[in-house]
Amino acid sequence: MTTTTTDEQVSALTARLRVLEDERAVLQTLYAYGHAIDYGHEDDWVGCFTDDGVFDVRMRKDPEISFRAAGRDELAAFISQHTRAPSTYHKHVLVEPRIVVDGNSSTVESYFMKVDAQDDARSQIVAIGRYRDRLQRGGDGRWRFQERIAEVEDM
């Protein structure tokens, strides 16, 4: 009976460790996204998405300027036009991610803010909102966005 208890304990500990490792790996994708978009690492940013990944930006106050990019070609076209350092300094700040891992899939809800450096003024928050993400673990073990919905609540 001691062996069974020990085996069960090891299995439970292994399962808990796997969840922690998966959550940490999901966080790495969330963080890589911000660093890549802010400094123009286009291939890294596109690499945060699955081949059929979707980036869907929904503007609460101005829905007509909402947009959606689906698939690698549209994602690459979007990021190639995005501002970046050193011509424009900004930071996409991720706050309070709530991660749920279910096998090879994960959902994340988090808040974000975008801070822009102004030419002759102090930096300021120019957008706030939340991300609603669905991620998938690829065959290489890396987590990527299957869908990232950015709900821009205020600008």
C-alpha atoms as a PDB file:
ATOM      1  CA  MET A   1       0.000   0.000   0.000  1.00  0.00           C
ATOM      2  CA  THR A   2       2.884   2.379   0.649  1.00  0.00           C
ATOM      3  CA  THR A   3       4.126   1.844  -2.936  1.00  0.00           C
ATOM      4  CA  THR A   4       0.695   2.703  -4.375  1.00  0.00           C
ATOM      5  CA  THR A   5       0.489   5.840  -2.268  1.00  0.00           C
ATOM      6  CA  THR A   6       3.991   6.828  -3.311  1.00  0.00           C
ATOM      7  CA  ASP A   7       3.199   6.137  -6.995  1.00  0.00           C
ATOM      8  CA  GLU A   8       0.015   8.208  -6.711  1.00  0.00           C
ATOM      9  CA  GLN A   9       1.910  11.006  -5.012  1.00  0.00           C
ATOM     10  CA  VAL A  10       4.588  11.004  -7.704  1.00  0.00           C
ATOM     11  CA  SER A  11       1.930  11.003 -10.433  1.00  0.00           C
ATOM     12  CA  ALA A  12       0.080  13.885  -8.781  1.00  0.00           C
ATOM     13  CA  LEU A  13       3.308  15.841  -8.347  1.00  0.00           C
ATOM     14  CA  THR A  14       4.292  15.181 -11.976  1.00  0.00           C
ATOM     15  CA  ALA A  15       0.890  16.408 -13.187  1.00  0.00           C
ATOM     16  CA  ARG A  16       1.147  19.575 -11.077  1.00  0.00           C
ATOM     17  CA  LEU A  17       4.674  20.237 -12.337  1.00  0.00           C
ATOM     18  CA  ARG A  18       3.510  19.797 -15.953  1.00  0.00           C
ATOM     19  CA  VAL A  19       0.771  22.416 -15.450  1.00  0.00           C
ATOM     20  CA  LEU A  20       3.306  24.863 -13.973  1.00  0.00           C
ATOM     21  CA  GLU A  21       5.711  24.264 -16.852  1.00  0.00           C
ATOM     22  CA  ASP A  22       2.915  24.729 -19.394  1.00  0.00           C
ATOM     23  CA  GLU A  23       1.755  27.948 -17.731  1.00  0.00           C
ATOM     24  CA  ARG A  24       5.327  29.232 -17.759  1.00  0.00           C
ATOM     25  CA  ALA A  25       5.724  28.353 -21.438  1.00  0.00           C
ATOM     26  CA  VAL A  26       2.452  30.143 -22.274  1.00  0.00           C
ATOM     27  CA  LEU A  27       3.756  33.209 -20.422  1.00  0.00           C
ATOM     28  CA  GLN A  28       6.908  33.131 -22.547  1.00  0.00           C
ATOM     29  CA  THR A  29       4.743  33.443 -25.670  1.00  0.00           C
ATOM     30  CA  LEU A  30       2.784  36.335 -24.133  1.00  0.00           C
ATOM     31  CA  TYR A  31       6.026  38.115 -23.260  1.00  0.00           C
ATOM     32  CA  ALA A  32       7.682  37.384 -26.628  1.00  0.00           C
ATOM     33  CA  TYR A  33       4.724  39.031 -28.378  1.00  0.00           C
ATOM     34  CA  GLY A  34       5.268  42.361 -26.573  1.00  0.00           C
ATOM     35  CA  HIS A  35       9.014  42.455 -27.057  1.00  0.00           C
ATOM     36  CA  ALA A  36       8.699  41.568 -30.749  1.00  0.00           C
ATOM     37  CA  ILE A  37       6.005  44.146 -31.591  1.00  0.00           C
ATOM     38  CA  ASP A  38       7.742  46.962 -29.719  1.00  0.00           C
ATOM     39  CA  TYR A  39      11.148  46.468 -31.342  1.00  0.00           C
ATOM     40  CA  GLY A  40      10.138  45.330 -34.821  1.00  0.00           C
ATOM     41  CA  HIS A  41      11.194  41.695 -34.607  1.00  0.00           C
ATOM     42  CA  GLU A  42       8.734  40.773 -37.336  1.00  0.00           C
ATOM     43  CA  ASP A  43       9.608  37.084 -37.709  1.00  0.00           C
ATOM     44  CA  ASP A  44       9.485  36.579 -33.943  1.00  0.00           C
ATOM     45  CA  TRP A  45       6.076  38.286 -33.754  1.00  0.00           C
ATOM     46  CA  VAL A  46       4.593  36.206 -36.575  1.00  0.00           C
ATOM     47  CA  GLY A  47       6.201  33.154 -34.942  1.00  0.00           C
ATOM     48  CA  CYS A  48       4.037  33.738 -31.875  1.00  0.00           C
ATOM     49  CA  PHE A  49       1.043  32.580 -33.965  1.00  0.00           C
ATOM     50  CA  THR A  50       0.053  29.225 -35.447  1.00  0.00           C
ATOM     51  CA  ASP A  51       0.118  29.014 -39.265  1.00  0.00           C
ATOM     52  CA  ASP A  52      -3.612  29.806 -39.339  1.00  0.00           C
ATOM     53  CA  GLY A  53      -3.434  32.152 -36.346  1.00  0.00           C
ATOM     54  CA  VAL A  54      -5.732  35.155 -36.015  1.00  0.00           C
ATOM     55  CA  PHE A  55      -5.070  38.610 -34.564  1.00  0.00           C
ATOM     56  CA  ASP A  56      -8.410  40.360 -34.065  1.00  0.00           C
ATOM     57  CA  VAL A  57      -8.426  43.955 -32.793  1.00  0.00           C
ATOM     58  CA  ARG A  58     -11.815  45.196 -31.635  1.00  0.00           C
ATOM     59  CA  MET A  59     -12.220  48.898 -30.916  1.00  0.00           C
ATOM     60  CA  ARG A  60     -15.007  49.485 -28.391  1.00  0.00           C
ATOM     61  CA  LYS A  61     -15.440  53.222 -29.047  1.00  0.00           C
ATOM     62  CA  ASP A  62     -14.694  53.214 -32.767  1.00  0.00           C
ATOM     63  CA  PRO A  63     -15.695  49.800 -34.210  1.00  0.00           C
ATOM     64  CA  GLU A  64     -15.160  50.854 -37.821  1.00  0.00           C
ATOM     65  CA  ILE A  65     -11.372  50.931 -37.307  1.00  0.00           C
ATOM     66  CA  SER A  66     -11.339  47.401 -35.875  1.00  0.00           C
ATOM     67  CA  PHE A  67      -9.338  44.930 -37.968  1.00  0.00           C
ATOM     68  CA  ARG A  68      -8.455  41.271 -38.279  1.00  0.00           C
ATOM     69  CA  ALA A  69      -5.367  39.543 -39.667  1.00  0.00           C
ATOM     70  CA  ALA A  70      -5.603  35.789 -40.308  1.00  0.00           C
ATOM     71  CA  GLY A  71      -2.803  33.491 -41.427  1.00  0.00           C
ATOM     72  CA  ARG A  72       0.908  34.115 -41.764  1.00  0.00           C
ATOM     73  CA  ASP A  73       0.708  36.385 -44.828  1.00  0.00           C
ATOM     74  CA  GLU A  74      -1.811  38.798 -43.277  1.00  0.00           C
ATOM     75  CA  LEU A  75       0.015  38.742 -39.926  1.00  0.00           C
ATOM     76  CA  ALA A  76       3.317  39.511 -41.663  1.00  0.00           C
ATOM     77  CA  ALA A  77       1.701  42.357 -43.611  1.00  0.00           C
ATOM     78  CA  PHE A  78       0.296  43.835 -40.394  1.00  0.00           C
ATOM     79  CA  ILE A  79       3.536  43.705 -38.417  1.00  0.00           C
ATOM     80  CA  SER A  80       5.596  45.089 -41.324  1.00  0.00           C
ATOM     81  CA  GLN A  81       3.576  48.327 -41.073  1.00  0.00           C
ATOM     82  CA  HIS A  82       3.547  48.587 -37.267  1.00  0.00           C
ATOM     83  CA  THR A  83       5.537  51.349 -35.567  1.00  0.00           C
ATOM     84  CA  ARG A  84       8.648  50.343 -33.636  1.00  0.00           C
ATOM     85  CA  ALA A  85      11.797  51.570 -31.998  1.00  0.00           C
ATOM     86  CA  PRO A  86      13.819  53.604 -32.713  1.00  0.00           C
ATOM     87  CA  SER A  87      11.407  55.722 -34.805  1.00  0.00           C
ATOM     88  CA  THR A  88       8.611  55.270 -32.245  1.00  0.00           C
ATOM     89  CA  TYR A  89       9.127  53.991 -28.732  1.00  0.00           C
ATOM     90  CA  HIS A  90       6.203  52.244 -27.125  1.00  0.00           C
ATOM     91  CA  LYS A  91       5.594  49.379 -24.767  1.00  0.00           C
ATOM     92  CA  HIS A  92       2.810  46.810 -24.830  1.00  0.00           C
ATOM     93  CA  VAL A  93       2.388  46.014 -21.134  1.00  0.00           C
ATOM     94  CA  LEU A  94       0.667  42.771 -20.125  1.00  0.00           C
ATOM     95  CA  VAL A  95      -1.067  42.672 -16.749  1.00  0.00           C
ATOM     96  CA  GLU A  96      -2.682  39.929 -14.658  1.00  0.00           C
ATOM     97  CA  PRO A  97      -2.754  36.993 -17.074  1.00  0.00           C
ATOM     98  CA  ARG A  98      -5.173  34.233 -16.041  1.00  0.00           C
ATOM     99  CA  ILE A  99      -4.026  31.043 -17.744  1.00  0.00           C
ATOM    100  CA  VAL A 100      -6.028  27.835 -18.078  1.00  0.00           C
ATOM    101  CA  VAL A 101      -4.211  24.875 -19.632  1.00  0.00           C
ATOM    102  CA  ASP A 102      -6.188  21.931 -21.004  1.00  0.00           C
ATOM    103  CA  GLY A 103      -3.855  19.420 -22.605  1.00  0.00           C
ATOM    104  CA  ASN A 104      -2.386  20.999 -25.739  1.00  0.00           C
ATOM    105  CA  SER A 105      -4.758  23.975 -25.622  1.00  0.00           C
ATOM    106  CA  SER A 106      -4.769  26.992 -23.385  1.00  0.00           C
ATOM    107  CA  THR A 107      -6.914  30.058 -22.833  1.00  0.00           C
ATOM    108  CA  VAL A 108      -5.659  33.287 -21.328  1.00  0.00           C
ATOM    109  CA  GLU A 109      -7.453  36.440 -20.285  1.00  0.00           C
ATOM    110  CA  SER A 110      -5.299  39.421 -19.395  1.00  0.00           C
ATOM    111  CA  TYR A 111      -5.296  43.191 -19.324  1.00  0.00           C
ATOM    112  CA  PHE A 112      -3.012  45.344 -21.405  1.00  0.00           C
ATOM    113  CA  MET A 113      -1.947  48.898 -21.771  1.00  0.00           C
ATOM    114  CA  LYS A 114       0.123  50.535 -24.479  1.00  0.00           C
ATOM    115  CA  VAL A 115       2.481  53.268 -23.371  1.00  0.00           C
ATOM    116  CA  ASP A 116       3.927  55.611 -25.978  1.00  0.00           C
ATOM    117  CA  ALA A 117       6.903  57.927 -25.639  1.00  0.00           C
ATOM    118  CA  GLN A 118       5.896  61.364 -26.868  1.00  0.00           C
ATOM    119  CA  ASP A 119       8.454  63.532 -28.691  1.00  0.00           C
ATOM    120  CA  ASP A 120       8.582  66.498 -26.330  1.00  0.00           C
ATOM    121  CA  ALA A 121       6.346  65.283 -23.554  1.00  0.00           C
ATOM    122  CA  ARG A 122       6.164  62.587 -20.962  1.00  0.00           C
ATOM    123  CA  SER A 123       5.261  59.075 -21.970  1.00  0.00           C
ATOM    124  CA  GLN A 124       1.603  58.329 -21.636  1.00  0.00           C
ATOM    125  CA  ILE A 125      -0.846  55.454 -21.708  1.00  0.00           C
ATOM    126  CA  VAL A 126      -2.481  55.585 -25.142  1.00  0.00           C
ATOM    127  CA  ALA A 127      -4.617  52.435 -24.997  1.00  0.00           C
ATOM    128  CA  ILE A 128      -6.053  50.046 -22.440  1.00  0.00           C
ATOM    129  CA  GLY A 129      -8.045  46.881 -22.796  1.00  0.00           C
ATOM    130  CA  ARG A 130      -7.913  43.154 -22.471  1.00  0.00           C
ATOM    131  CA  TYR A 131      -6.610  40.231 -24.445  1.00  0.00           C
ATOM    132  CA  ARG A 132      -8.649  37.070 -24.877  1.00  0.00           C
ATOM    133  CA  ASP A 133      -6.304  34.402 -26.157  1.00  0.00           C
ATOM    134  CA  ARG A 134      -6.478  30.819 -27.341  1.00  0.00           C
ATOM    135  CA  LEU A 135      -3.110  29.102 -27.660  1.00  0.00           C
ATOM    136  CA  GLN A 136      -2.100  25.727 -29.019  1.00  0.00           C
ATOM    137  CA  ARG A 137       0.997  23.678 -28.250  1.00  0.00           C
ATOM    138  CA  GLY A 138       2.751  22.802 -31.506  1.00  0.00           C
ATOM    139  CA  GLY A 139       4.572  19.606 -32.395  1.00  0.00           C
ATOM    140  CA  ASP A 140       7.779  21.356 -31.379  1.00  0.00           C
ATOM    141  CA  GLY A 141       6.360  21.894 -27.872  1.00  0.00           C
ATOM    142  CA  ARG A 142       6.063  25.673 -28.298  1.00  0.00           C
ATOM    143  CA  TRP A 143       2.829  27.463 -27.417  1.00  0.00           C
ATOM    144  CA  ARG A 144       1.452  29.789 -30.113  1.00  0.00           C
ATOM    145  CA  PHE A 145      -1.601  31.971 -30.487  1.00  0.00           C
ATOM    146  CA  GLN A 146      -4.375  30.320 -32.396  1.00  0.00           C
ATOM    147  CA  GLU A 147      -6.388  33.465 -31.771  1.00  0.00           C
ATOM    148  CA  ARG A 148      -5.538  36.706 -30.016  1.00  0.00           C
ATOM    149  CA  ILE A 149      -8.456  39.081 -29.540  1.00  0.00           C
ATOM    150  CA  ALA A 150      -7.420  42.542 -28.400  1.00  0.00           C
ATOM    151  CA  GLU A 151     -10.428  44.374 -27.024  1.00  0.00           C
ATOM    152  CA  VAL A 152      -9.345  48.016 -26.990  1.00  0.00           C
ATOM    153  CA  GLU A 153     -11.589  49.592 -24.366  1.00  0.00           C
ATOM    154  CA  ASP A 154     -10.219  53.125 -24.441  1.00  0.00           C
ATOM    155  CA  MET A 155      -7.625  55.211 -26.255  1.00  0.00           C
END
